[in-house]
Amino acid sequence: MTSNIGSAVINEAMDQWEGAHYGDLMDRLKPELLGMLQQVVRPEFLNRIDEVSVFSPLDRSEMNRIVHLQLDLVKERLAEQNITLEASREAVEYLGKIGFDPQYGARPVKRAIQNEVLNALSRSLIAGDVKPDDVILLDVFEGTVVFRNVELPSAT
């Protein structure tokens, strides 16, 4: 189970943090965060929790890995229809950026992929712009997710 109790405190501290390691900052904030947890969660529930861990906020590379993992699930679904999806680095970074919320972490990534990728791709499938055996490149152009059909080199 995870919670975002204290995320505002962490974000504010990070904005002012000039240290080299976020671990040091989190160690410093841990007593305050645990105090906030005790104010929000009833003691009888806290007593049933074996351990409380304080996580550092996600950085850009971690967000990109999460986007890749979520896109891999989309790729698997498309592969069932013999459609290959590839994503440019810019598309991954864009989805990581719009899918991140300091308050909720990476939880909105799935929603961003649904709204920006799956909905548009579904429309393209229905319209016949994307067909079985197509290779599609997911990219970003002027702040908008776009799909491009990619030609595979012929084997001659």
Protein backbone atom coordinates (compact mmCIF):
# COMPACT_ATOMS: atom_id res chain seq x y z
CA MET A 1 0.00 0.00 0.00
CA THR A 2 1.30 3.45 -0.82
CA SER A 3 0.27 6.93 0.18
CA ASN A 4 1.21 10.41 -0.90
CA ILE A 5 0.97 11.83 2.60
CA GLY A 6 3.65 14.49 2.84
CA SER A 7 4.27 14.76 -0.90
CA ALA A 8 3.79 18.54 -0.76
CA VAL A 9 6.44 18.76 1.98
CA ILE A 10 8.82 16.64 -0.10
CA ASN A 11 8.24 18.70 -3.26
CA GLU A 12 8.78 21.96 -1.42
CA ALA A 13 11.96 20.66 0.21
CA MET A 14 13.26 19.38 -3.13
CA ASP A 15 12.76 22.79 -4.71
CA GLN A 16 15.07 24.24 -2.07
CA TRP A 17 17.48 21.29 -1.85
CA GLU A 18 20.94 21.89 -3.21
CA GLY A 19 22.49 18.68 -1.90
CA ALA A 20 23.86 16.02 -4.15
CA HIS A 21 21.77 13.12 -2.84
CA TYR A 22 18.03 12.98 -2.36
CA GLY A 23 18.59 10.17 0.14
CA ASP A 24 20.08 12.69 2.59
CA LEU A 25 17.06 14.95 2.15
CA MET A 26 14.64 12.08 2.69
CA ASP A 27 16.48 11.01 5.85
CA ARG A 28 16.11 14.55 7.15
CA LEU A 29 12.40 14.70 6.29
CA LYS A 30 11.47 11.22 7.54
CA PRO A 31 10.53 12.22 11.14
CA GLU A 32 8.27 15.00 9.87
CA LEU A 33 6.65 12.69 7.32
CA LEU A 34 6.05 9.95 9.86
CA GLY A 35 4.47 12.54 12.15
CA MET A 36 2.12 13.56 9.33
CA LEU A 37 1.25 9.89 8.79
CA GLN A 38 0.33 9.54 12.46
CA GLN A 39 -1.93 12.59 12.19
CA VAL A 40 -3.79 11.21 9.18
CA VAL A 41 -3.99 7.47 9.82
CA ARG A 42 -5.74 6.06 12.87
CA PRO A 43 -3.44 4.40 15.45
CA GLU A 44 -5.24 1.04 15.30
CA PHE A 45 -4.57 0.89 11.55
CA LEU A 46 -0.96 2.03 11.89
CA ASN A 47 -0.42 -0.69 14.48
CA ARG A 48 -1.20 -3.29 11.77
CA ILE A 49 1.48 -1.95 9.42
CA ASP A 50 4.77 -3.82 9.72
CA GLU A 51 6.98 -1.18 8.15
CA VAL A 52 6.74 2.33 6.75
CA SER A 53 9.11 3.32 3.95
CA VAL A 54 9.64 6.84 2.68
CA PHE A 55 10.30 6.92 -1.05
CA SER A 56 12.23 9.58 -2.91
CA PRO A 57 10.39 11.34 -5.73
CA LEU A 58 10.77 9.93 -9.22
CA ASP A 59 13.27 11.48 -11.56
CA ARG A 60 13.01 11.82 -15.34
CA SER A 61 14.82 8.56 -16.15
CA GLU A 62 12.56 6.60 -13.78
CA MET A 63 9.48 8.18 -15.34
CA ASN A 64 10.74 7.20 -18.79
CA ARG A 65 11.22 3.59 -17.64
CA ILE A 66 7.64 3.56 -16.32
CA VAL A 67 6.37 4.89 -19.67
CA HIS A 68 8.36 2.17 -21.47
CA LEU A 69 6.80 -0.50 -19.24
CA GLN A 70 3.29 0.80 -19.90
CA LEU A 71 3.96 1.08 -23.64
CA ASP A 72 5.23 -2.51 -23.64
CA LEU A 73 1.75 -3.56 -22.51
CA VAL A 74 0.23 -1.60 -25.39
CA LYS A 75 2.71 -3.21 -27.80
CA GLU A 76 1.67 -6.67 -26.61
CA ARG A 77 -1.99 -5.89 -27.26
CA LEU A 78 -1.21 -4.53 -30.72
CA ALA A 79 1.01 -7.51 -31.55
CA GLU A 80 -2.10 -9.69 -31.25
CA GLN A 81 -3.33 -7.78 -34.33
CA ASN A 82 0.07 -8.00 -36.06
CA ILE A 83 0.68 -4.31 -35.51
CA THR A 84 4.09 -3.17 -34.33
CA LEU A 85 4.40 0.00 -32.28
CA GLU A 86 7.68 1.79 -31.71
CA ALA A 87 8.06 5.00 -29.71
CA SER A 88 10.55 7.79 -30.25
CA ARG A 89 12.59 9.08 -27.33
CA GLU A 90 10.68 12.36 -27.59
CA ALA A 91 7.33 10.56 -27.32
CA VAL A 92 8.46 8.66 -24.22
CA GLU A 93 9.71 11.86 -22.59
CA TYR A 94 6.51 13.70 -23.51
CA LEU A 95 4.31 10.97 -22.03
CA GLY A 96 6.50 10.90 -18.92
CA LYS A 97 6.15 14.65 -18.56
CA ILE A 98 2.37 14.82 -18.97
CA GLY A 99 1.89 11.59 -17.02
CA PHE A 100 3.71 12.85 -13.95
CA ASP A 101 2.02 14.75 -11.16
CA PRO A 102 4.08 15.80 -8.14
CA GLN A 103 1.10 15.00 -5.93
CA TYR A 104 0.38 11.53 -7.36
CA GLY A 105 3.74 10.46 -8.79
CA ALA A 106 3.52 8.16 -11.81
CA ARG A 107 -0.05 7.02 -11.27
CA PRO A 108 -1.40 9.30 -14.05
CA VAL A 109 0.91 7.69 -16.67
CA LYS A 110 -1.68 5.05 -17.58
CA ARG A 111 -4.29 7.74 -18.06
CA ALA A 112 -1.92 9.81 -20.21
CA ILE A 113 -1.21 6.80 -22.42
CA GLN A 114 -4.93 6.05 -22.64
CA ASN A 115 -5.79 9.64 -23.59
CA GLU A 116 -2.83 10.44 -25.82
CA VAL A 117 -2.03 7.08 -27.43
CA LEU A 118 -4.78 4.48 -27.16
CA ASN A 119 -7.70 6.76 -27.96
CA ALA A 120 -5.99 8.22 -31.04
CA LEU A 121 -4.70 4.83 -32.14
CA SER A 122 -8.21 3.35 -31.80
CA ARG A 123 -9.57 6.09 -34.07
CA SER A 124 -6.79 5.36 -36.59
CA LEU A 125 -7.63 1.64 -36.52
CA ILE A 126 -11.34 2.29 -37.06
CA ALA A 127 -10.58 4.74 -39.88
CA GLY A 128 -8.34 2.17 -41.55
CA ASP A 129 -5.23 4.35 -41.29
CA VAL A 130 -3.57 1.58 -39.27
CA LYS A 131 -3.90 -1.98 -40.53
CA PRO A 132 -2.55 -5.40 -39.56
CA ASP A 133 1.14 -5.82 -40.41
CA ASP A 134 1.76 -2.07 -40.07
CA VAL A 135 4.71 -0.74 -38.17
CA ILE A 136 3.74 2.46 -36.38
CA LEU A 137 6.11 5.03 -34.92
CA LEU A 138 4.71 6.94 -31.97
CA ASP A 139 6.20 10.42 -32.02
CA VAL A 140 5.51 13.97 -30.86
CA PHE A 141 5.13 16.94 -33.16
CA GLU A 142 4.49 20.44 -31.79
CA GLY A 143 3.25 19.06 -28.47
CA THR A 144 0.89 16.52 -30.01
CA VAL A 145 1.25 12.75 -30.18
CA VAL A 146 1.36 11.59 -33.79
CA PHE A 147 1.55 8.20 -35.48
CA ARG A 148 3.64 7.53 -38.54
CA ASN A 149 3.58 4.41 -40.68
CA VAL A 150 7.10 3.09 -41.02
CA GLU A 151 8.25 1.20 -44.06
CA LEU A 152 10.36 -1.85 -43.27
CA PRO A 153 13.31 -2.44 -45.56
CA SER A 154 12.47 -5.12 -48.11
CA ALA A 155 14.46 -8.33 -47.93
CA THR A 156 15.92 -8.64 -51.43
